[in-house]
């Protein structure tokens, strides 16, 4: 896992808590850390997105509320 105080570590921690296959969770930084890409197992993608995108919105809200992740954008990759 990435450092506990990084936006990457925060998103990884939340995603691993939600999915059934936490070993498949990969969070990468793009654009000098301005964009985070979240990759999961194909079967777990729906869990991370949630109904009508509610879980994804909640993850983005937590990321935006954190001190280090306020300027980051989260993309969920197919």
N, C-alpha and C. Protein backbone atom coordinates (compact mmCIF):
# COMPACT_ATOMS: atom_id res chain seq x y z
N UNK A 1 0.84 -1.18 0.00
CA UNK A 1 0.00 0.00 0.00
C UNK A 1 0.88 1.24 0.00
N UNK A 2 0.39 2.27 -0.61
CA UNK A 2 1.13 3.52 -0.65
C UNK A 2 1.14 4.15 0.74
N UNK A 3 1.88 5.23 0.87
CA UNK A 3 1.96 5.90 2.16
C UNK A 3 0.58 6.33 2.65
N UNK A 4 0.37 6.28 3.95
CA UNK A 4 -0.94 6.56 4.53
C UNK A 4 -1.38 7.99 4.33
N UNK A 5 -0.45 8.90 4.10
CA UNK A 5 -0.78 10.31 4.00
C UNK A 5 -0.88 10.81 2.56
N UNK A 6 -0.91 9.89 1.61
CA UNK A 6 -1.01 10.31 0.21
C UNK A 6 -2.43 10.07 -0.30
N UNK A 7 -2.84 10.82 -1.30
CA UNK A 7 -4.16 10.59 -1.89
C UNK A 7 -4.27 9.19 -2.50
N UNK A 8 -3.16 8.68 -3.03
CA UNK A 8 -3.15 7.34 -3.60
C UNK A 8 -3.45 6.31 -2.52
N UNK A 9 -2.82 6.46 -1.37
CA UNK A 9 -3.04 5.54 -0.26
C UNK A 9 -4.46 5.60 0.26
N UNK A 10 -5.04 6.78 0.30
CA UNK A 10 -6.41 6.95 0.77
C UNK A 10 -7.40 6.24 -0.14
N UNK A 11 -7.28 6.47 -1.44
CA UNK A 11 -8.19 5.83 -2.41
C UNK A 11 -8.00 4.32 -2.40
N UNK A 12 -6.76 3.87 -2.31
CA UNK A 12 -6.48 2.44 -2.27
C UNK A 12 -7.10 1.80 -1.03
N UNK A 13 -6.98 2.44 0.11
CA UNK A 13 -7.53 1.92 1.35
C UNK A 13 -9.05 1.80 1.27
N UNK A 14 -9.71 2.83 0.77
CA UNK A 14 -11.17 2.81 0.66
C UNK A 14 -11.63 1.74 -0.34
N UNK A 15 -10.97 1.67 -1.49
CA UNK A 15 -11.37 0.72 -2.53
C UNK A 15 -11.18 -0.72 -2.05
N UNK A 16 -10.08 -1.00 -1.37
CA UNK A 16 -9.83 -2.36 -0.89
C UNK A 16 -10.85 -2.78 0.16
N UNK A 17 -11.39 -1.83 0.89
CA UNK A 17 -12.41 -2.14 1.89
C UNK A 17 -13.76 -2.46 1.25
N UNK A 18 -13.99 -1.99 0.04
CA UNK A 18 -15.28 -2.17 -0.63
C UNK A 18 -15.35 -3.43 -1.47
N UNK A 19 -14.28 -3.78 -2.16
CA UNK A 19 -14.30 -4.84 -3.17
C UNK A 19 -14.15 -6.23 -2.56
N UNK A 20 -14.49 -7.25 -3.37
CA UNK A 20 -14.32 -8.64 -2.95
C UNK A 20 -12.91 -9.14 -3.19
N UNK A 21 -12.22 -8.58 -4.18
CA UNK A 21 -10.87 -9.00 -4.53
C UNK A 21 -9.91 -7.83 -4.32
N UNK A 22 -9.47 -7.57 -3.09
CA UNK A 22 -8.63 -6.40 -2.83
C UNK A 22 -7.25 -6.46 -3.47
N UNK A 23 -6.79 -7.66 -3.84
CA UNK A 23 -5.47 -7.77 -4.46
C UNK A 23 -5.46 -7.19 -5.87
N UNK A 24 -6.62 -7.04 -6.49
CA UNK A 24 -6.69 -6.51 -7.86
C UNK A 24 -6.80 -5.00 -7.90
N UNK A 25 -6.86 -4.34 -6.75
CA UNK A 25 -6.98 -2.88 -6.71
C UNK A 25 -5.62 -2.24 -6.99
N UNK A 26 -5.60 -1.37 -8.00
CA UNK A 26 -4.39 -0.64 -8.36
C UNK A 26 -4.75 0.83 -8.53
N UNK A 27 -4.04 1.70 -7.83
CA UNK A 27 -4.24 3.14 -7.96
C UNK A 27 -2.95 3.74 -8.48
N UNK A 28 -3.03 4.45 -9.60
CA UNK A 28 -1.84 5.06 -10.18
C UNK A 28 -2.05 6.56 -10.33
N UNK A 29 -0.96 7.30 -10.20
CA UNK A 29 -0.99 8.75 -10.37
C UNK A 29 -0.65 9.10 -11.80
N UNK A 30 -1.41 10.02 -12.37
CA UNK A 30 -1.20 10.49 -13.74
C UNK A 30 -1.16 12.02 -13.68
N UNK A 31 -0.52 12.63 -14.63
CA UNK A 31 -0.45 14.10 -14.70
C UNK A 31 0.16 14.70 -13.44
N UNK A 32 1.30 14.19 -13.03
CA UNK A 32 2.01 14.71 -11.85
C UNK A 32 1.17 14.67 -10.59
N UNK A 33 0.36 13.63 -10.43
CA UNK A 33 -0.43 13.46 -9.23
C UNK A 33 -1.74 14.20 -9.22
N UNK A 34 -2.08 14.88 -10.30
CA UNK A 34 -3.35 15.62 -10.37
C UNK A 34 -4.53 14.69 -10.64
N UNK A 35 -4.28 13.56 -11.28
CA UNK A 35 -5.33 12.60 -11.59
C UNK A 35 -4.94 11.24 -11.03
N UNK A 36 -5.87 10.58 -10.37
CA UNK A 36 -5.66 9.22 -9.88
C UNK A 36 -6.55 8.29 -10.69
N UNK A 37 -5.98 7.17 -11.12
CA UNK A 37 -6.74 6.16 -11.85
C UNK A 37 -6.90 4.94 -10.97
N UNK A 38 -8.13 4.53 -10.77
CA UNK A 38 -8.46 3.38 -9.94
C UNK A 38 -8.85 2.21 -10.83
N UNK A 39 -8.09 1.12 -10.74
CA UNK A 39 -8.38 -0.09 -11.49
C UNK A 39 -8.76 -1.19 -10.51
N UNK A 40 -9.84 -1.92 -10.83
CA UNK A 40 -10.28 -3.04 -10.01
C UNK A 40 -10.55 -4.23 -10.90
N UNK A 41 -10.85 -5.35 -10.28
CA UNK A 41 -11.29 -6.52 -11.00
C UNK A 41 -12.61 -6.18 -11.69
N UNK A 42 -12.88 -6.77 -12.83
CA UNK A 42 -14.09 -6.45 -13.59
C UNK A 42 -15.36 -6.72 -12.78
N UNK A 43 -15.34 -7.73 -11.93
CA UNK A 43 -16.51 -8.07 -11.13
C UNK A 43 -16.74 -7.07 -10.00
N UNK A 44 -15.70 -6.37 -9.58
CA UNK A 44 -15.80 -5.42 -8.47
C UNK A 44 -16.04 -3.99 -8.91
N UNK A 45 -16.00 -3.73 -10.20
CA UNK A 45 -16.14 -2.36 -10.68
C UNK A 45 -17.49 -1.76 -10.28
N UNK A 46 -18.53 -2.55 -10.32
CA UNK A 46 -19.85 -2.08 -9.93
C UNK A 46 -19.93 -1.71 -8.46
N UNK A 47 -19.18 -2.41 -7.62
CA UNK A 47 -19.15 -2.09 -6.19
C UNK A 47 -18.50 -0.73 -5.96
N UNK A 48 -17.47 -0.41 -6.72
CA UNK A 48 -16.75 0.85 -6.55
C UNK A 48 -17.57 2.01 -7.11
N UNK A 49 -18.32 1.77 -8.17
CA UNK A 49 -19.14 2.82 -8.76
C UNK A 49 -20.43 3.01 -7.96
N UNK A 50 -21.09 1.92 -7.61
CA UNK A 50 -22.32 1.99 -6.82
C UNK A 50 -23.52 2.35 -7.67
N UNK A 51 -24.68 2.29 -7.06
CA UNK A 51 -25.91 2.63 -7.77
C UNK A 51 -25.95 4.12 -8.07
N UNK A 52 -26.14 4.43 -9.33
CA UNK A 52 -26.17 5.81 -9.82
C UNK A 52 -24.90 6.57 -9.44
N UNK A 53 -23.79 5.86 -9.25
CA UNK A 53 -22.50 6.50 -8.98
C UNK A 53 -22.33 7.01 -7.56
N UNK A 54 -23.17 6.57 -6.64
CA UNK A 54 -23.13 7.11 -5.28
C UNK A 54 -21.83 6.79 -4.56
N UNK A 55 -21.32 5.56 -4.71
CA UNK A 55 -20.08 5.19 -4.02
C UNK A 55 -18.91 5.97 -4.60
N UNK A 56 -18.86 6.07 -5.93
CA UNK A 56 -17.79 6.84 -6.57
C UNK A 56 -17.82 8.29 -6.13
N UNK A 57 -19.01 8.87 -6.04
CA UNK A 57 -19.14 10.26 -5.58
C UNK A 57 -18.66 10.39 -4.14
N UNK A 58 -18.97 9.40 -3.31
CA UNK A 58 -18.54 9.44 -1.91
C UNK A 58 -17.02 9.35 -1.79
N UNK A 59 -16.42 8.49 -2.59
CA UNK A 59 -14.95 8.38 -2.57
C UNK A 59 -14.34 9.70 -3.02
N UNK A 60 -14.89 10.30 -4.06
CA UNK A 60 -14.39 11.59 -4.54
C UNK A 60 -14.57 12.69 -3.49
N UNK A 61 -15.67 12.63 -2.74
CA UNK A 61 -15.91 13.63 -1.70
C UNK A 61 -14.89 13.50 -0.57
N UNK A 62 -14.60 12.27 -0.16
CA UNK A 62 -13.60 12.05 0.88
C UNK A 62 -12.23 12.50 0.39
N UNK A 63 -11.91 12.18 -0.86
CA UNK A 63 -10.64 12.60 -1.44
C UNK A 63 -10.54 14.12 -1.48
N UNK A 64 -11.61 14.77 -1.87
CA UNK A 64 -11.61 16.23 -1.93
C UNK A 64 -11.53 16.89 -0.56
N UNK A 65 -12.05 16.22 0.45
CA UNK A 65 -12.02 16.77 1.80
C UNK A 65 -10.68 16.57 2.49
N UNK A 66 -9.88 15.65 1.97
CA UNK A 66 -8.56 15.42 2.58
C UNK A 66 -7.60 16.54 2.21
N UNK A 67 -6.66 16.77 3.06
CA UNK A 67 -5.71 17.87 2.85
C UNK A 67 -4.86 17.65 1.61
N UNK A 68 -4.36 16.43 1.41
CA UNK A 68 -3.46 16.17 0.29
C UNK A 68 -4.19 15.88 -1.02
N UNK A 69 -5.45 15.47 -0.94
CA UNK A 69 -6.16 15.09 -2.16
C UNK A 69 -7.12 16.13 -2.67
N UNK A 70 -7.10 17.31 -2.10
CA UNK A 70 -8.08 18.34 -2.49
C UNK A 70 -7.98 18.74 -3.95
N UNK A 71 -6.80 18.66 -4.52
CA UNK A 71 -6.60 19.06 -5.92
C UNK A 71 -6.61 17.89 -6.89
N UNK A 72 -6.93 16.69 -6.40
CA UNK A 72 -6.87 15.50 -7.23
C UNK A 72 -8.22 15.17 -7.86
N UNK A 73 -8.14 14.49 -8.98
CA UNK A 73 -9.32 14.01 -9.68
C UNK A 73 -9.24 12.49 -9.72
N UNK A 74 -10.35 11.80 -9.54
CA UNK A 74 -10.38 10.34 -9.52
C UNK A 74 -11.10 9.82 -10.73
N UNK A 75 -10.44 8.95 -11.49
CA UNK A 75 -11.03 8.28 -12.64
C UNK A 75 -11.06 6.79 -12.35
N UNK A 76 -12.20 6.16 -12.65
CA UNK A 76 -12.32 4.70 -12.51
C UNK A 76 -12.13 4.11 -13.88
N UNK A 77 -11.09 3.30 -14.03
CA UNK A 77 -10.66 2.79 -15.35
C UNK A 77 -11.29 1.43 -15.62
N UNK A 78 -11.73 1.23 -16.87
CA UNK A 78 -12.25 -0.07 -17.29
C UNK A 78 -11.15 -1.07 -17.44
